[in-house]
Structures are given as structure tokens and as C-alpha cells.
Amino acid sequence: MIIVQVKEGENIERALKKFKRKFEKTGIIRELRSRKTFEKPSVKKRDMMNKAIYVQKLQLRDE
């Protein structure tokens, strides 16, 4: 459960922004979307490898 402490006199938009930020950090939406459709383990592994290669290329380019 996400709890957002609202200080006295604090704007409701600011509290909503805090809530959205906390909610995004939990990764609930990402998990729900991944569970929506079945993905074969081999496809997951391939995607992870491609992402790792991409990140490695970015790191090498920055150096």
C-alpha cells in the first residue's frame, strides 16, 4: 500500500505528483502489462541479451 504524507497547507496537485512518482517506482503497471500476455522464456532471454548488448554499446560510446 502506498502512503503519501500530506503536510498542512500543501497543494493537492503536489500530493498527487508524489503519489504518481511512488506508484511508478513500485513497477506495478509494468508487471501488469508483462503478465497480460505470455512470453516464451526463449523470447525473454533474447530480449534481455539484446538490451544488454545495447547498454554495453552505449557505455563504450560514452567512454
PDB file of N, CA and C in Angstrom:
ATOM      1  N   MET A   1       0.843  -1.163   0.000  1.00  0.00           N
ATOM      2  CA  MET A   1       0.000   0.000   0.000  1.00  0.00           C
ATOM      3  C   MET A   1       0.903   1.245   0.000  1.00  0.00           C
ATOM      4  N   ILE A   2       0.547   2.198  -0.801  1.00  0.00           N
ATOM      5  CA  ILE A   2       1.312   3.429  -0.923  1.00  0.00           C
ATOM      6  C   ILE A   2       0.692   4.496  -0.031  1.00  0.00           C
ATOM      7  N   ILE A   3       1.545   5.076   0.814  1.00  0.00           N
ATOM      8  CA  ILE A   3       1.080   6.126   1.713  1.00  0.00           C
ATOM      9  C   ILE A   3       1.828   7.402   1.382  1.00  0.00           C
ATOM     10  N   VAL A   4       1.070   8.488   1.217  1.00  0.00           N
ATOM     11  CA  VAL A   4       1.657   9.796   0.926  1.00  0.00           C
ATOM     12  C   VAL A   4       1.278  10.736   2.050  1.00  0.00           C
ATOM     13  N   GLN A   5       2.287  11.247   2.717  1.00  0.00           N
ATOM     14  CA  GLN A   5       2.049  12.189   3.798  1.00  0.00           C
ATOM     15  C   GLN A   5       1.807  13.574   3.205  1.00  0.00           C
ATOM     16  N   VAL A   6       0.666  14.167   3.527  1.00  0.00           N
ATOM     17  CA  VAL A   6       0.326  15.490   3.030  1.00  0.00           C
ATOM     18  C   VAL A   6       0.463  16.469   4.186  1.00  0.00           C
ATOM     19  N   LYS A   7       1.318  17.451   3.987  1.00  0.00           N
ATOM     20  CA  LYS A   7       1.527  18.452   5.032  1.00  0.00           C
ATOM     21  C   LYS A   7       0.382  19.460   5.003  1.00  0.00           C
ATOM     22  N   GLU A   8       0.174  20.095   6.110  1.00  0.00           N
ATOM     23  CA  GLU A   8      -0.906  21.071   6.207  1.00  0.00           C
ATOM     24  C   GLU A   8      -0.614  22.241   5.271  1.00  0.00           C
ATOM     25  N   GLY A   9      -1.581  22.593   4.469  1.00  0.00           N
ATOM     26  CA  GLY A   9      -1.435  23.696   3.535  1.00  0.00           C
ATOM     27  C   GLY A   9      -0.777  23.288   2.224  1.00  0.00           C
ATOM     28  N   GLU A  10      -0.455  21.992   2.072  1.00  0.00           N
ATOM     29  CA  GLU A  10       0.188  21.541   0.835  1.00  0.00           C
ATOM     30  C   GLU A  10      -0.854  21.375  -0.265  1.00  0.00           C
ATOM     31  N   ASN A  11      -0.461  21.724  -1.460  1.00  0.00           N
ATOM     32  CA  ASN A  11      -1.346  21.660  -2.606  1.00  0.00           C
ATOM     33  C   ASN A  11      -1.678  20.198  -2.938  1.00  0.00           C
ATOM     34  N   ILE A  12      -2.915  19.941  -3.345  1.00  0.00           N
ATOM     35  CA  ILE A  12      -3.344  18.576  -3.671  1.00  0.00           C
ATOM     36  C   ILE A  12      -2.627  18.062  -4.920  1.00  0.00           C
ATOM     37  N   GLU A  13      -2.297  18.962  -5.854  1.00  0.00           N
ATOM     38  CA  GLU A  13      -1.581  18.537  -7.058  1.00  0.00           C
ATOM     39  C   GLU A  13      -0.198  17.995  -6.699  1.00  0.00           C
ATOM     40  N   ARG A  14       0.435  18.631  -5.731  1.00  0.00           N
ATOM     41  CA  ARG A  14       1.759  18.179  -5.297  1.00  0.00           C
ATOM     42  C   ARG A  14       1.665  16.787  -4.664  1.00  0.00           C
ATOM     43  N   ALA A  15       0.618  16.566  -3.879  1.00  0.00           N
ATOM     44  CA  ALA A  15       0.420  15.261  -3.253  1.00  0.00           C
ATOM     45  C   ALA A  15       0.159  14.191  -4.315  1.00  0.00           C
ATOM     46  N   LEU A  16      -0.624  14.523  -5.326  1.00  0.00           N
ATOM     47  CA  LEU A  16      -0.876  13.582  -6.411  1.00  0.00           C
ATOM     48  C   LEU A  16       0.403  13.260  -7.168  1.00  0.00           C
ATOM     49  N   LYS A  17       1.239  14.276  -7.363  1.00  0.00           N
ATOM     50  CA  LYS A  17       2.505  14.075  -8.056  1.00  0.00           C
ATOM     51  C   LYS A  17       3.389  13.112  -7.267  1.00  0.00           C
ATOM     52  N   LYS A  18       3.437  13.278  -5.929  1.00  0.00           N
ATOM     53  CA  LYS A  18       4.198  12.375  -5.069  1.00  0.00           C
ATOM     54  C   LYS A  18       3.666  10.948  -5.188  1.00  0.00           C
ATOM     55  N   PHE A  19       2.323  10.825  -5.172  1.00  0.00           N
ATOM     56  CA  PHE A  19       1.704   9.507  -5.277  1.00  0.00           C
ATOM     57  C   PHE A  19       2.064   8.838  -6.601  1.00  0.00           C
ATOM     58  N   LYS A  20       1.963   9.594  -7.686  1.00  0.00           N
ATOM     59  CA  LYS A  20       2.271   9.034  -9.003  1.00  0.00           C
ATOM     60  C   LYS A  20       3.715   8.573  -9.083  1.00  0.00           C
ATOM     61  N   ARG A  21       4.629   9.370  -8.517  1.00  0.00           N
ATOM     62  CA  ARG A  21       6.043   9.027  -8.527  1.00  0.00           C
ATOM     63  C   ARG A  21       6.294   7.732  -7.754  1.00  0.00           C
ATOM     64  N   LYS A  22       5.690   7.622  -6.564  1.00  0.00           N
ATOM     65  CA  LYS A  22       5.850   6.416  -5.751  1.00  0.00           C
ATOM     66  C   LYS A  22       5.252   5.206  -6.462  1.00  0.00           C
ATOM     67  N   PHE A  23       4.090   5.405  -7.074  1.00  0.00           N
ATOM     68  CA  PHE A  23       3.410   4.320  -7.776  1.00  0.00           C
ATOM     69  C   PHE A  23       4.248   3.830  -8.942  1.00  0.00           C
ATOM     70  N   GLU A  24       4.870   4.743  -9.671  1.00  0.00           N
ATOM     71  CA  GLU A  24       5.701   4.377 -10.805  1.00  0.00           C
ATOM     72  C   GLU A  24       6.923   3.587 -10.360  1.00  0.00           C
ATOM     73  N   LYS A  25       7.501   3.981  -9.231  1.00  0.00           N
ATOM     74  CA  LYS A  25       8.695   3.309  -8.721  1.00  0.00           C
ATOM     75  C   LYS A  25       8.415   1.870  -8.306  1.00  0.00           C
ATOM     76  N   THR A  26       7.181   1.567  -7.900  1.00  0.00           N
ATOM     77  CA  THR A  26       6.862   0.205  -7.491  1.00  0.00           C
ATOM     78  C   THR A  26       6.855  -0.754  -8.679  1.00  0.00           C
ATOM     79  N   GLY A  27       6.566  -0.266  -9.881  1.00  0.00           N
ATOM     80  CA  GLY A  27       6.595  -1.104 -11.075  1.00  0.00           C
ATOM     81  C   GLY A  27       5.365  -1.958 -11.256  1.00  0.00           C
ATOM     82  N   ILE A  28       4.264  -1.582 -10.628  1.00  0.00           N
ATOM     83  CA  ILE A  28       3.038  -2.381 -10.708  1.00  0.00           C
ATOM     84  C   ILE A  28       2.487  -2.407 -12.129  1.00  0.00           C
ATOM     85  N   ILE A  29       2.455  -1.245 -12.770  1.00  0.00           N
ATOM     86  CA  ILE A  29       1.911  -1.169 -14.130  1.00  0.00           C
ATOM     87  C   ILE A  29       2.751  -2.005 -15.089  1.00  0.00           C
ATOM     88  N   ARG A  30       4.081  -1.915 -14.943  1.00  0.00           N
ATOM     89  CA  ARG A  30       4.980  -2.677 -15.816  1.00  0.00           C
ATOM     90  C   ARG A  30       4.733  -4.176 -15.653  1.00  0.00           C
ATOM     91  N   GLU A  31       4.553  -4.594 -14.404  1.00  0.00           N
ATOM     92  CA  GLU A  31       4.314  -6.008 -14.134  1.00  0.00           C
ATOM     93  C   GLU A  31       2.976  -6.456 -14.708  1.00  0.00           C
ATOM     94  N   LEU A  32       1.935  -5.637 -14.554  1.00  0.00           N
ATOM     95  CA  LEU A  32       0.624  -5.990 -15.098  1.00  0.00           C
ATOM     96  C   LEU A  32       0.669  -6.136 -16.610  1.00  0.00           C
ATOM     97  N   ARG A  33       1.367  -5.236 -17.264  1.00  0.00           N
ATOM     98  CA  ARG A  33       1.472  -5.310 -18.721  1.00  0.00           C
ATOM     99  C   ARG A  33       2.238  -6.550 -19.158  1.00  0.00           C
ATOM    100  N   SER A  34       3.262  -6.927 -18.405  1.00  0.00           N
ATOM    101  CA  SER A  34       4.025  -8.118 -18.771  1.00  0.00           C
ATOM    102  C   SER A  34       3.207  -9.389 -18.540  1.00  0.00           C
ATOM    103  N   ARG A  35       2.332  -9.372 -17.546  1.00  0.00           N
ATOM    104  CA  ARG A  35       1.506 -10.542 -17.269  1.00  0.00           C
ATOM    105  C   ARG A  35       0.316 -10.660 -18.216  1.00  0.00           C
ATOM    106  N   LYS A  36       0.021  -9.599 -18.916  1.00  0.00           N
ATOM    107  CA  LYS A  36      -1.152  -9.579 -19.795  1.00  0.00           C
ATOM    108  C   LYS A  36      -1.034 -10.642 -20.889  1.00  0.00           C
ATOM    109  N   THR A  37       0.154 -10.785 -21.442  1.00  0.00           N
ATOM    110  CA  THR A  37       0.370 -11.778 -22.492  1.00  0.00           C
ATOM    111  C   THR A  37       1.518 -12.687 -22.089  1.00  0.00           C
ATOM    112  N   PHE A  38       1.448 -13.923 -22.515  1.00  0.00           N
ATOM    113  CA  PHE A  38       2.509 -14.879 -22.211  1.00  0.00           C
ATOM    114  C   PHE A  38       3.665 -14.667 -23.167  1.00  0.00           C
ATOM    115  N   GLU A  39       4.853 -14.685 -22.610  1.00  0.00           N
ATOM    116  CA  GLU A  39       6.058 -14.547 -23.421  1.00  0.00           C
ATOM    117  C   GLU A  39       6.941 -15.758 -23.143  1.00  0.00           C
ATOM    118  N   LYS A  40       7.346 -16.424 -24.215  1.00  0.00           N
ATOM    119  CA  LYS A  40       8.167 -17.614 -24.055  1.00  0.00           C
ATOM    120  C   LYS A  40       9.487 -17.264 -23.379  1.00  0.00           C
ATOM    121  N   PRO A  41      10.012 -18.179 -22.571  1.00  0.00           N
ATOM    122  CA  PRO A  41      11.290 -17.920 -21.903  1.00  0.00           C
ATOM    123  C   PRO A  41      12.423 -17.619 -22.884  1.00  0.00           C
ATOM    124  N   SER A  42      12.404 -18.266 -24.047  1.00  0.00           N
ATOM    125  CA  SER A  42      13.461 -18.023 -25.033  1.00  0.00           C
ATOM    126  C   SER A  42      13.377 -16.599 -25.582  1.00  0.00           C
ATOM    127  N   VAL A  43      12.169 -16.082 -25.728  1.00  0.00           N
ATOM    128  CA  VAL A  43      11.986 -14.713 -26.213  1.00  0.00           C
ATOM    129  C   VAL A  43      12.425 -13.724 -25.140  1.00  0.00           C
ATOM    130  N   LYS A  44      12.095 -14.014 -23.880  1.00  0.00           N
ATOM    131  CA  LYS A  44      12.533 -13.152 -22.784  1.00  0.00           C
ATOM    132  C   LYS A  44      14.059 -13.082 -22.734  1.00  0.00           C
ATOM    133  N   LYS A  45      14.687 -14.245 -22.866  1.00  0.00           N
ATOM    134  CA  LYS A  45      16.146 -14.310 -22.815  1.00  0.00           C
ATOM    135  C   LYS A  45      16.765 -13.529 -23.972  1.00  0.00           C
ATOM    136  N   ARG A  46      16.181 -13.663 -25.157  1.00  0.00           N
ATOM    137  CA  ARG A  46      16.686 -12.951 -26.338  1.00  0.00           C
ATOM    138  C   ARG A  46      16.569 -11.445 -26.146  1.00  0.00           C
ATOM    139  N   ASP A  47      15.429 -11.000 -25.614  1.00  0.00           N
ATOM    140  CA  ASP A  47      15.232  -9.574 -25.365  1.00  0.00           C
ATOM    141  C   ASP A  47      16.220  -9.047 -24.331  1.00  0.00           C
ATOM    142  N   MET A  48      16.458  -9.838 -23.278  1.00  0.00           N
ATOM    143  CA  MET A  48      17.416  -9.421 -22.262  1.00  0.00           C
ATOM    144  C   MET A  48      18.827  -9.310 -22.848  1.00  0.00           C
ATOM    145  N   MET A  49      19.194 -10.244 -23.705  1.00  0.00           N
ATOM    146  CA  MET A  49      20.516 -10.207 -24.335  1.00  0.00           C
ATOM    147  C   MET A  49      20.644  -8.982 -25.236  1.00  0.00           C
ATOM    148  N   ASN A  50      19.604  -8.714 -26.020  1.00  0.00           N
ATOM    149  CA  ASN A  50      19.635  -7.544 -26.899  1.00  0.00           C
ATOM    150  C   ASN A  50      19.737  -6.251 -26.093  1.00  0.00           C
ATOM    151  N   LYS A  51      19.044  -6.182 -24.972  1.00  0.00           N
ATOM    152  CA  LYS A  51      19.110  -4.995 -24.125  1.00  0.00           C
ATOM    153  C   LYS A  51      20.507  -4.837 -23.526  1.00  0.00           C
ATOM    154  N   ALA A  52      21.101  -5.950 -23.093  1.00  0.00           N
ATOM    155  CA  ALA A  52      22.449  -5.911 -22.521  1.00  0.00           C
ATOM    156  C   ALA A  52      23.466  -5.448 -23.561  1.00  0.00           C
ATOM    157  N   ILE A  53      23.323  -5.918 -24.793  1.00  0.00           N
ATOM    158  CA  ILE A  53      24.223  -5.505 -25.872  1.00  0.00           C
ATOM    159  C   ILE A  53      24.064  -4.019 -26.139  1.00  0.00           C
ATOM    160  N   TYR A  54      22.837  -3.551 -26.164  1.00  0.00           N
ATOM    161  CA  TYR A  54      22.561  -2.134 -26.404  1.00  0.00           C
ATOM    162  C   TYR A  54      23.178  -1.260 -25.317  1.00  0.00           C
ATOM    163  N   VAL A  55      22.999  -1.664 -24.060  1.00  0.00           N
ATOM    164  CA  VAL A  55      23.538  -0.892 -22.937  1.00  0.00           C
ATOM    165  C   VAL A  55      25.062  -0.879 -22.996  1.00  0.00           C
ATOM    166  N   GLN A  56      25.648  -2.014 -23.343  1.00  0.00           N
ATOM    167  CA  GLN A  56      27.098  -2.097 -23.437  1.00  0.00           C
ATOM    168  C   GLN A  56      27.632  -1.162 -24.527  1.00  0.00           C
ATOM    169  N   LYS A  57      26.946  -1.124 -25.653  1.00  0.00           N
ATOM    170  CA  LYS A  57      27.360  -0.226 -26.741  1.00  0.00           C
ATOM    171  C   LYS A  57      27.289   1.229 -26.299  1.00  0.00           C
ATOM    172  N   LEU A  58      26.225   1.584 -25.557  1.00  0.00           N
ATOM    173  CA  LEU A  58      26.091   2.948 -25.054  1.00  0.00           C
ATOM    174  C   LEU A  58      27.229   3.299 -24.108  1.00  0.00           C
ATOM    175  N   GLN A  59      27.568   2.367 -23.225  1.00  0.00           N
ATOM    176  CA  GLN A  59      28.648   2.619 -22.259  1.00  0.00           C
ATOM    177  C   GLN A  59      29.985   2.771 -22.968  1.00  0.00           C
ATOM    178  N   LEU A  60      30.243   1.954 -23.970  1.00  0.00           N
ATOM    179  CA  LEU A  60      31.506   2.046 -24.712  1.00  0.00           C
ATOM    180  C   LEU A  60      31.581   3.346 -25.495  1.00  0.00           C
ATOM    181  N   ARG A  61      30.465   3.786 -26.036  1.00  0.00           N
ATOM    182  CA  ARG A  61      30.440   5.013 -26.810  1.00  0.00           C
ATOM    183  C   ARG A  61      30.694   6.238 -25.919  1.00  0.00           C
ATOM    184  N   ASP A  62      30.191   6.177 -24.668  1.00  0.00           N
ATOM    185  CA  ASP A  62      30.386   7.294 -23.748  1.00  0.00           C
ATOM    186  C   ASP A  62      31.837   7.394 -23.277  1.00  0.00           C
ATOM    187  N   GLU A  63      32.530   6.282 -23.219  1.00  0.00           N
ATOM    188  CA  GLU A  63      33.927   6.302 -22.757  1.00  0.00           C
ATOM    189  C   GLU A  63      34.806   6.802 -23.833  1.00  0.00           C
TER     190      GLU A  63
END
